[in-house]
Amino acid sequence: MANHASAIGEAVGNLIESEVKNIVQNALVGTEFYVDIGGIRRGVRDHSKLLLVNDTGNSYQIDVVVEDKEKKSHCTY
């Protein structure tokens, strides 16, 4: 990355995102909920990104989805 400040900002953002994922996962241990943080999941998706598609067809990449046993989303960020 040519801009050092941008590289530092990206690294800090990645650390914060990683920690938030850990907090959410730990908070839901022992519950009926599953924390989806991306990656290929057989029978669910064949790509690695978590995408939320709105009613007009626009896709947004999200970082975490909390879903139930029926794979119904309850929380995204």
PDB file of N, CA and C in Angstrom:
ATOM      1  N   MET A   1       0.855  -1.169   0.000  1.00  0.00           N
ATOM      2  CA  MET A   1       0.000   0.000   0.000  1.00  0.00           C
ATOM      3  C   MET A   1       0.904   1.236   0.000  1.00  0.00           C
ATOM      4  N   ALA A   2       0.637   2.138  -0.903  1.00  0.00           N
ATOM      5  CA  ALA A   2       1.492   3.315  -1.062  1.00  0.00           C
ATOM      6  C   ALA A   2       1.344   4.317   0.074  1.00  0.00           C
ATOM      7  N   ASN A   3       0.174   4.459   0.632  1.00  0.00           N
ATOM      8  CA  ASN A   3      -0.080   5.423   1.690  1.00  0.00           C
ATOM      9  C   ASN A   3       0.054   4.726   3.051  1.00  0.00           C
ATOM     10  N   HIS A   4       1.069   5.092   3.814  1.00  0.00           N
ATOM     11  CA  HIS A   4       1.328   4.434   5.103  1.00  0.00           C
ATOM     12  C   HIS A   4       0.202   4.678   6.113  1.00  0.00           C
ATOM     13  N   ALA A   5      -0.374   5.864   6.111  1.00  0.00           N
ATOM     14  CA  ALA A   5      -1.474   6.152   7.034  1.00  0.00           C
ATOM     15  C   ALA A   5      -2.672   5.264   6.715  1.00  0.00           C
ATOM     16  N   SER A   6      -2.913   5.052   5.439  1.00  0.00           N
ATOM     17  CA  SER A   6      -4.013   4.180   5.031  1.00  0.00           C
ATOM     18  C   SER A   6      -3.757   2.742   5.470  1.00  0.00           C
ATOM     19  N   ALA A   7      -2.515   2.302   5.365  1.00  0.00           N
ATOM     20  CA  ALA A   7      -2.153   0.942   5.786  1.00  0.00           C
ATOM     21  C   ALA A   7      -2.354   0.766   7.291  1.00  0.00           C
ATOM     22  N   ILE A   8      -1.994   1.772   8.063  1.00  0.00           N
ATOM     23  CA  ILE A   8      -2.187   1.713   9.517  1.00  0.00           C
ATOM     24  C   ILE A   8      -3.678   1.683   9.840  1.00  0.00           C
ATOM     25  N   GLY A   9      -4.450   2.517   9.180  1.00  0.00           N
ATOM     26  CA  GLY A   9      -5.898   2.533   9.390  1.00  0.00           C
ATOM     27  C   GLY A   9      -6.535   1.204   9.045  1.00  0.00           C
ATOM     28  N   GLU A  10      -6.093   0.597   7.963  1.00  0.00           N
ATOM     29  CA  GLU A  10      -6.607  -0.718   7.554  1.00  0.00           C
ATOM     30  C   GLU A  10      -6.254  -1.776   8.597  1.00  0.00           C
ATOM     31  N   ALA A  11      -5.046  -1.747   9.113  1.00  0.00           N
ATOM     32  CA  ALA A  11      -4.621  -2.723  10.121  1.00  0.00           C
ATOM     33  C   ALA A  11      -5.418  -2.564  11.414  1.00  0.00           C
ATOM     34  N   VAL A  12      -5.628  -1.342  11.854  1.00  0.00           N
ATOM     35  CA  VAL A  12      -6.415  -1.088  13.067  1.00  0.00           C
ATOM     36  C   VAL A  12      -7.849  -1.561  12.856  1.00  0.00           C
ATOM     37  N   GLY A  13      -8.422  -1.259  11.711  1.00  0.00           N
ATOM     38  CA  GLY A  13      -9.778  -1.699  11.401  1.00  0.00           C
ATOM     39  C   GLY A  13      -9.908  -3.216  11.414  1.00  0.00           C
ATOM     40  N   ASN A  14      -8.915  -3.905  10.862  1.00  0.00           N
ATOM     41  CA  ASN A  14      -8.931  -5.371  10.859  1.00  0.00           C
ATOM     42  C   ASN A  14      -8.852  -5.937  12.269  1.00  0.00           C
ATOM     43  N   LEU A  15      -8.046  -5.329  13.130  1.00  0.00           N
ATOM     44  CA  LEU A  15      -7.942  -5.785  14.523  1.00  0.00           C
ATOM     45  C   LEU A  15      -9.269  -5.599  15.263  1.00  0.00           C
ATOM     46  N   ILE A  16      -9.889  -4.454  15.077  1.00  0.00           N
ATOM     47  CA  ILE A  16     -11.168  -4.184  15.736  1.00  0.00           C
ATOM     48  C   ILE A  16     -12.231  -5.156  15.230  1.00  0.00           C
ATOM     49  N   GLU A  17     -12.299  -5.358  13.930  1.00  0.00           N
ATOM     50  CA  GLU A  17     -13.277  -6.279  13.348  1.00  0.00           C
ATOM     51  C   GLU A  17     -13.085  -7.696  13.890  1.00  0.00           C
ATOM     52  N   SER A  18     -11.857  -8.132  13.988  1.00  0.00           N
ATOM     53  CA  SER A  18     -11.560  -9.464  14.512  1.00  0.00           C
ATOM     54  C   SER A  18     -12.008  -9.614  15.958  1.00  0.00           C
ATOM     55  N   GLU A  19     -11.770  -8.601  16.757  1.00  0.00           N
ATOM     56  CA  GLU A  19     -12.153  -8.661  18.169  1.00  0.00           C
ATOM     57  C   GLU A  19     -13.669  -8.644  18.344  1.00  0.00           C
ATOM     58  N   VAL A  20     -14.361  -7.844  17.544  1.00  0.00           N
ATOM     59  CA  VAL A  20     -15.825  -7.812  17.613  1.00  0.00           C
ATOM     60  C   VAL A  20     -16.386  -9.188  17.255  1.00  0.00           C
ATOM     61  N   LYS A  21     -15.844  -9.833  16.235  1.00  0.00           N
ATOM     62  CA  LYS A  21     -16.284 -11.178  15.865  1.00  0.00           C
ATOM     63  C   LYS A  21     -16.099 -12.144  17.025  1.00  0.00           C
ATOM     64  N   ASN A  22     -14.946 -12.068  17.696  1.00  0.00           N
ATOM     65  CA  ASN A  22     -14.690 -12.942  18.843  1.00  0.00           C
ATOM     66  C   ASN A  22     -15.684 -12.692  19.972  1.00  0.00           C
ATOM     67  N   ILE A  23     -15.986 -11.445  20.241  1.00  0.00           N
ATOM     68  CA  ILE A  23     -16.927 -11.100  21.306  1.00  0.00           C
ATOM     69  C   ILE A  23     -18.312 -11.662  20.992  1.00  0.00           C
ATOM     70  N   VAL A  24     -18.766 -11.487  19.757  1.00  0.00           N
ATOM     71  CA  VAL A  24     -20.083 -12.000  19.372  1.00  0.00           C
ATOM     72  C   VAL A  24     -20.109 -13.518  19.473  1.00  0.00           C
ATOM     73  N   GLN A  25     -19.078 -14.183  18.953  1.00  0.00           N
ATOM     74  CA  GLN A  25     -19.031 -15.643  19.012  1.00  0.00           C
ATOM     75  C   GLN A  25     -19.040 -16.133  20.459  1.00  0.00           C
ATOM     76  N   ASN A  26     -18.244 -15.535  21.308  1.00  0.00           N
ATOM     77  CA  ASN A  26     -18.186 -15.951  22.718  1.00  0.00           C
ATOM     78  C   ASN A  26     -19.502 -15.693  23.446  1.00  0.00           C
ATOM     79  N   ALA A  27     -20.183 -14.620  23.098  1.00  0.00           N
ATOM     80  CA  ALA A  27     -21.453 -14.293  23.746  1.00  0.00           C
ATOM     81  C   ALA A  27     -22.541 -15.316  23.412  1.00  0.00           C
ATOM     82  N   LEU A  28     -22.410 -15.986  22.267  1.00  0.00           N
ATOM     83  CA  LEU A  28     -23.443 -16.910  21.831  1.00  0.00           C
ATOM     84  C   LEU A  28     -23.110 -18.384  22.072  1.00  0.00           C
ATOM     85  N   VAL A  29     -21.978 -18.660  22.713  1.00  0.00           N
ATOM     86  CA  VAL A  29     -21.640 -20.041  23.039  1.00  0.00           C
ATOM     87  C   VAL A  29     -22.719 -20.613  23.952  1.00  0.00           C
ATOM     88  N   GLY A  30     -23.191 -21.812  23.626  1.00  0.00           N
ATOM     89  CA  GLY A  30     -24.212 -22.462  24.437  1.00  0.00           C
ATOM     90  C   GLY A  30     -25.633 -22.053  24.091  1.00  0.00           C
ATOM     91  N   THR A  31     -25.798 -21.235  23.063  1.00  0.00           N
ATOM     92  CA  THR A  31     -27.137 -20.840  22.633  1.00  0.00           C
ATOM     93  C   THR A  31     -27.497 -21.604  21.368  1.00  0.00           C
ATOM     94  N   GLU A  32     -28.696 -21.396  20.888  1.00  0.00           N
ATOM     95  CA  GLU A  32     -29.141 -22.048  19.664  1.00  0.00           C
ATOM     96  C   GLU A  32     -28.695 -21.293  18.418  1.00  0.00           C
ATOM     97  N   PHE A  33     -27.956 -20.210  18.587  1.00  0.00           N
ATOM     98  CA  PHE A  33     -27.573 -19.377  17.461  1.00  0.00           C
ATOM     99  C   PHE A  33     -26.204 -19.735  16.912  1.00  0.00           C
ATOM    100  N   TYR A  34     -26.014 -19.456  15.627  1.00  0.00           N
ATOM    101  CA  TYR A  34     -24.762 -19.696  14.916  1.00  0.00           C
ATOM    102  C   TYR A  34     -24.230 -18.347  14.451  1.00  0.00           C
ATOM    103  N   VAL A  35     -22.937 -18.150  14.580  1.00  0.00           N
ATOM    104  CA  VAL A  35     -22.302 -16.918  14.118  1.00  0.00           C
ATOM    105  C   VAL A  35     -21.582 -17.225  12.809  1.00  0.00           C
ATOM    106  N   ASP A  36     -22.047 -16.629  11.748  1.00  0.00           N
ATOM    107  CA  ASP A  36     -21.461 -16.827  10.419  1.00  0.00           C
ATOM    108  C   ASP A  36     -20.530 -15.664  10.137  1.00  0.00           C
ATOM    109  N   ILE A  37     -19.253 -15.970   9.938  1.00  0.00           N
ATOM    110  CA  ILE A  37     -18.267 -14.917   9.677  1.00  0.00           C
ATOM    111  C   ILE A  37     -17.708 -15.008   8.259  1.00  0.00           C
ATOM    112  N   GLY A  38     -18.402 -15.733   7.404  1.00  0.00           N
ATOM    113  CA  GLY A  38     -17.973 -15.840   6.014  1.00  0.00           C
ATOM    114  C   GLY A  38     -17.277 -17.149   5.733  1.00  0.00           C
ATOM    115  N   GLY A  39     -16.897 -17.318   4.512  1.00  0.00           N
ATOM    116  CA  GLY A  39     -16.292 -18.565   4.064  1.00  0.00           C
ATOM    117  C   GLY A  39     -17.332 -19.440   3.387  1.00  0.00           C
ATOM    118  N   ILE A  40     -16.862 -20.378   2.615  1.00  0.00           N
ATOM    119  CA  ILE A  40     -17.763 -21.279   1.901  1.00  0.00           C
ATOM    120  C   ILE A  40     -18.464 -22.185   2.895  1.00  0.00           C
ATOM    121  N   ARG A  41     -19.784 -22.332   2.757  1.00  0.00           N
ATOM    122  CA  ARG A  41     -20.581 -23.241   3.597  1.00  0.00           C
ATOM    123  C   ARG A  41     -21.432 -24.100   2.680  1.00  0.00           C
ATOM    124  N   ARG A  42     -21.164 -25.392   2.681  1.00  0.00           N
ATOM    125  CA  ARG A  42     -21.933 -26.306   1.829  1.00  0.00           C
ATOM    126  C   ARG A  42     -23.409 -26.224   2.165  1.00  0.00           C
ATOM    127  N   GLY A  43     -24.218 -26.122   1.133  1.00  0.00           N
ATOM    128  CA  GLY A  43     -25.658 -26.039   1.303  1.00  0.00           C
ATOM    129  C   GLY A  43     -26.174 -24.658   1.655  1.00  0.00           C
ATOM    130  N   VAL A  44     -25.268 -23.721   1.883  1.00  0.00           N
ATOM    131  CA  VAL A  44     -25.678 -22.357   2.224  1.00  0.00           C
ATOM    132  C   VAL A  44     -25.208 -21.380   1.148  1.00  0.00           C
ATOM    133  N   ARG A  45     -23.912 -21.424   0.825  1.00  0.00           N
ATOM    134  CA  ARG A  45     -23.357 -20.563  -0.230  1.00  0.00           C
ATOM    135  C   ARG A  45     -22.070 -21.179  -0.742  1.00  0.00           C
ATOM    136  N   ASP A  46     -21.748 -20.865  -1.962  1.00  0.00           N
ATOM    137  CA  ASP A  46     -20.537 -21.408  -2.577  1.00  0.00           C
ATOM    138  C   ASP A  46     -19.456 -20.350  -2.776  1.00  0.00           C
ATOM    139  N   HIS A  47     -19.602 -19.231  -2.114  1.00  0.00           N
ATOM    140  CA  HIS A  47     -18.608 -18.163  -2.177  1.00  0.00           C
ATOM    141  C   HIS A  47     -18.230 -17.780  -0.752  1.00  0.00           C
ATOM    142  N   SER A  48     -17.181 -17.012  -0.603  1.00  0.00           N
ATOM    143  CA  SER A  48     -16.671 -16.741   0.738  1.00  0.00           C
ATOM    144  C   SER A  48     -17.225 -15.474   1.387  1.00  0.00           C
ATOM    145  N   LYS A  49     -17.771 -14.570   0.608  1.00  0.00           N
ATOM    146  CA  LYS A  49     -18.254 -13.304   1.171  1.00  0.00           C
ATOM    147  C   LYS A  49     -19.676 -13.435   1.687  1.00  0.00           C
ATOM    148  N   LEU A  50     -19.957 -12.723   2.770  1.00  0.00           N
ATOM    149  CA  LEU A  50     -21.323 -12.604   3.270  1.00  0.00           C
ATOM    150  C   LEU A  50     -21.951 -11.410   2.575  1.00  0.00           C
ATOM    151  N   LEU A  51     -22.988 -11.658   1.799  1.00  0.00           N
ATOM    152  CA  LEU A  51     -23.633 -10.586   1.061  1.00  0.00           C
ATOM    153  C   LEU A  51     -25.084 -10.449   1.482  1.00  0.00           C
ATOM    154  N   LEU A  52     -25.489  -9.230   1.712  1.00  0.00           N
ATOM    155  CA  LEU A  52     -26.869  -8.899   2.017  1.00  0.00           C
ATOM    156  C   LEU A  52     -27.420  -8.187   0.781  1.00  0.00           C
ATOM    157  N   VAL A  53     -28.508  -8.698   0.228  1.00  0.00           N
ATOM    158  CA  VAL A  53     -29.101  -8.117  -0.972  1.00  0.00           C
ATOM    159  C   VAL A  53     -30.397  -7.431  -0.576  1.00  0.00           C
ATOM    160  N   ASN A  54     -30.526  -6.149  -0.930  1.00  0.00           N
ATOM    161  CA  ASN A  54     -31.742  -5.416  -0.579  1.00  0.00           C
ATOM    162  C   ASN A  54     -32.831  -5.652  -1.622  1.00  0.00           C
ATOM    163  N   ASP A  55     -33.970  -5.026  -1.428  1.00  0.00           N
ATOM    164  CA  ASP A  55     -35.126  -5.260  -2.302  1.00  0.00           C
ATOM    165  C   ASP A  55     -34.948  -4.714  -3.712  1.00  0.00           C
ATOM    166  N   THR A  56     -33.936  -3.894  -3.943  1.00  0.00           N
ATOM    167  CA  THR A  56     -33.675  -3.400  -5.294  1.00  0.00           C
ATOM    168  C   THR A  56     -32.537  -4.153  -5.974  1.00  0.00           C
ATOM    169  N   GLY A  57     -32.010  -5.181  -5.292  1.00  0.00           N
ATOM    170  CA  GLY A  57     -30.972  -6.015  -5.893  1.00  0.00           C
ATOM    171  C   GLY A  57     -29.551  -5.582  -5.615  1.00  0.00           C
ATOM    172  N   ASN A  58     -29.365  -4.522  -4.833  1.00  0.00           N
ATOM    173  CA  ASN A  58     -28.009  -4.091  -4.485  1.00  0.00           C
ATOM    174  C   ASN A  58     -27.429  -5.012  -3.427  1.00  0.00           C
ATOM    175  N   SER A  59     -26.162  -5.405  -3.593  1.00  0.00           N
ATOM    176  CA  SER A  59     -25.489  -6.292  -2.647  1.00  0.00           C
ATOM    177  C   SER A  59     -24.550  -5.494  -1.757  1.00  0.00           C
ATOM    178  N   TYR A  60     -24.534  -5.866  -0.484  1.00  0.00           N
ATOM    179  CA  TYR A  60     -23.655  -5.227   0.483  1.00  0.00           C
ATOM    180  C   TYR A  60     -22.885  -6.307   1.209  1.00  0.00           C
ATOM    181  N   GLN A  61     -21.556  -6.150   1.288  1.00  0.00           N
ATOM    182  CA  GLN A  61     -20.761  -7.116   2.033  1.00  0.00           C
ATOM    183  C   GLN A  61     -20.873  -6.809   3.519  1.00  0.00           C
ATOM    184  N   ILE A  62     -21.180  -7.832   4.308  1.00  0.00           N
ATOM    185  CA  ILE A  62     -21.277  -7.672   5.751  1.00  0.00           C
ATOM    186  C   ILE A  62     -20.252  -8.584   6.409  1.00  0.00           C
ATOM    187  N   ASP A  63     -19.957  -8.343   7.667  1.00  0.00           N
ATOM    188  CA  ASP A  63     -18.892  -9.065   8.352  1.00  0.00           C
ATOM    189  C   ASP A  63     -19.383 -10.242   9.179  1.00  0.00           C
ATOM    190  N   VAL A  64     -20.537 -10.108   9.801  1.00  0.00           N
ATOM    191  CA  VAL A  64     -21.028 -11.141  10.710  1.00  0.00           C
ATOM    192  C   VAL A  64     -22.544 -11.256  10.583  1.00  0.00           C
ATOM    193  N   VAL A  65     -23.026 -12.499  10.618  1.00  0.00           N
ATOM    194  CA  VAL A  65     -24.464 -12.758  10.662  1.00  0.00           C
ATOM    195  C   VAL A  65     -24.730 -13.691  11.829  1.00  0.00           C
ATOM    196  N   VAL A  66     -25.707 -13.362  12.648  1.00  0.00           N
ATOM    197  CA  VAL A  66     -26.157 -14.255  13.715  1.00  0.00           C
ATOM    198  C   VAL A  66     -27.440 -14.889  13.204  1.00  0.00           C
ATOM    199  N   GLU A  67     -27.458 -16.214  13.145  1.00  0.00           N
ATOM    200  CA  GLU A  67     -28.627 -16.901  12.612  1.00  0.00           C
ATOM    201  C   GLU A  67     -29.035 -18.062  13.507  1.00  0.00           C
ATOM    202  N   ASP A  68     -30.285 -18.508  13.325  1.00  0.00           N
ATOM    203  CA  ASP A  68     -30.786 -19.628  14.111  1.00  0.00           C
ATOM    204  C   ASP A  68     -30.568 -20.949  13.363  1.00  0.00           C
ATOM    205  N   LYS A  69     -31.093 -22.039  13.925  1.00  0.00           N
ATOM    206  CA  LYS A  69     -30.885 -23.365  13.334  1.00  0.00           C
ATOM    207  C   LYS A  69     -31.447 -23.484  11.927  1.00  0.00           C
ATOM    208  N   GLU A  70     -32.468 -22.702  11.619  1.00  0.00           N
ATOM    209  CA  GLU A  70     -33.065 -22.734  10.288  1.00  0.00           C
ATOM    210  C   GLU A  70     -32.344 -21.791   9.316  1.00  0.00           C
ATOM    211  N   LYS A  71     -31.204 -21.271   9.738  1.00  0.00           N
ATOM    212  CA  LYS A  71     -30.384 -20.344   8.955  1.00  0.00           C
ATOM    213  C   LYS A  71     -31.113 -19.027   8.692  1.00  0.00           C
ATOM    214  N   LYS A  72     -32.020 -18.648   9.592  1.00  0.00           N
ATOM    215  CA  LYS A  72     -32.722 -17.367   9.508  1.00  0.00           C
ATOM    216  C   LYS A  72     -31.888 -16.306  10.238  1.00  0.00           C
ATOM    217  N   SER A  73     -31.583 -15.223   9.557  1.00  0.00           N
ATOM    218  CA  SER A  73     -30.757 -14.162  10.132  1.00  0.00           C
ATOM    219  C   SER A  73     -31.503 -13.403  11.220  1.00  0.00           C
ATOM    220  N   HIS A  74     -30.791 -13.065  12.290  1.00  0.00           N
ATOM    221  CA  HIS A  74     -31.360 -12.277  13.376  1.00  0.00           C
ATOM    222  C   HIS A  74     -30.599 -10.976  13.594  1.00  0.00           C
ATOM    223  N   CYS A  75     -29.359 -10.929  13.159  1.00  0.00           N
ATOM    224  CA  CYS A  75     -28.537  -9.738  13.372  1.00  0.00           C
ATOM    225  C   CYS A  75     -27.412  -9.755  12.345  1.00  0.00           C
ATOM    226  N   THR A  76     -27.137  -8.623  11.735  1.00  0.00           N
ATOM    227  CA  THR A  76     -26.018  -8.512  10.797  1.00  0.00           C
ATOM    228  C   THR A  76     -25.245  -7.256  11.109  1.00  0.00           C
ATOM    229  N   TYR A  77     -23.961  -7.297  10.829  1.00  0.00           N
ATOM    230  CA  TYR A  77     -23.154  -6.069  10.865  1.00  0.00           C
ATOM    231  C   TYR A  77     -21.961  -6.247   9.992  1.00  0.00           C
TER     232      TYR A  77
END
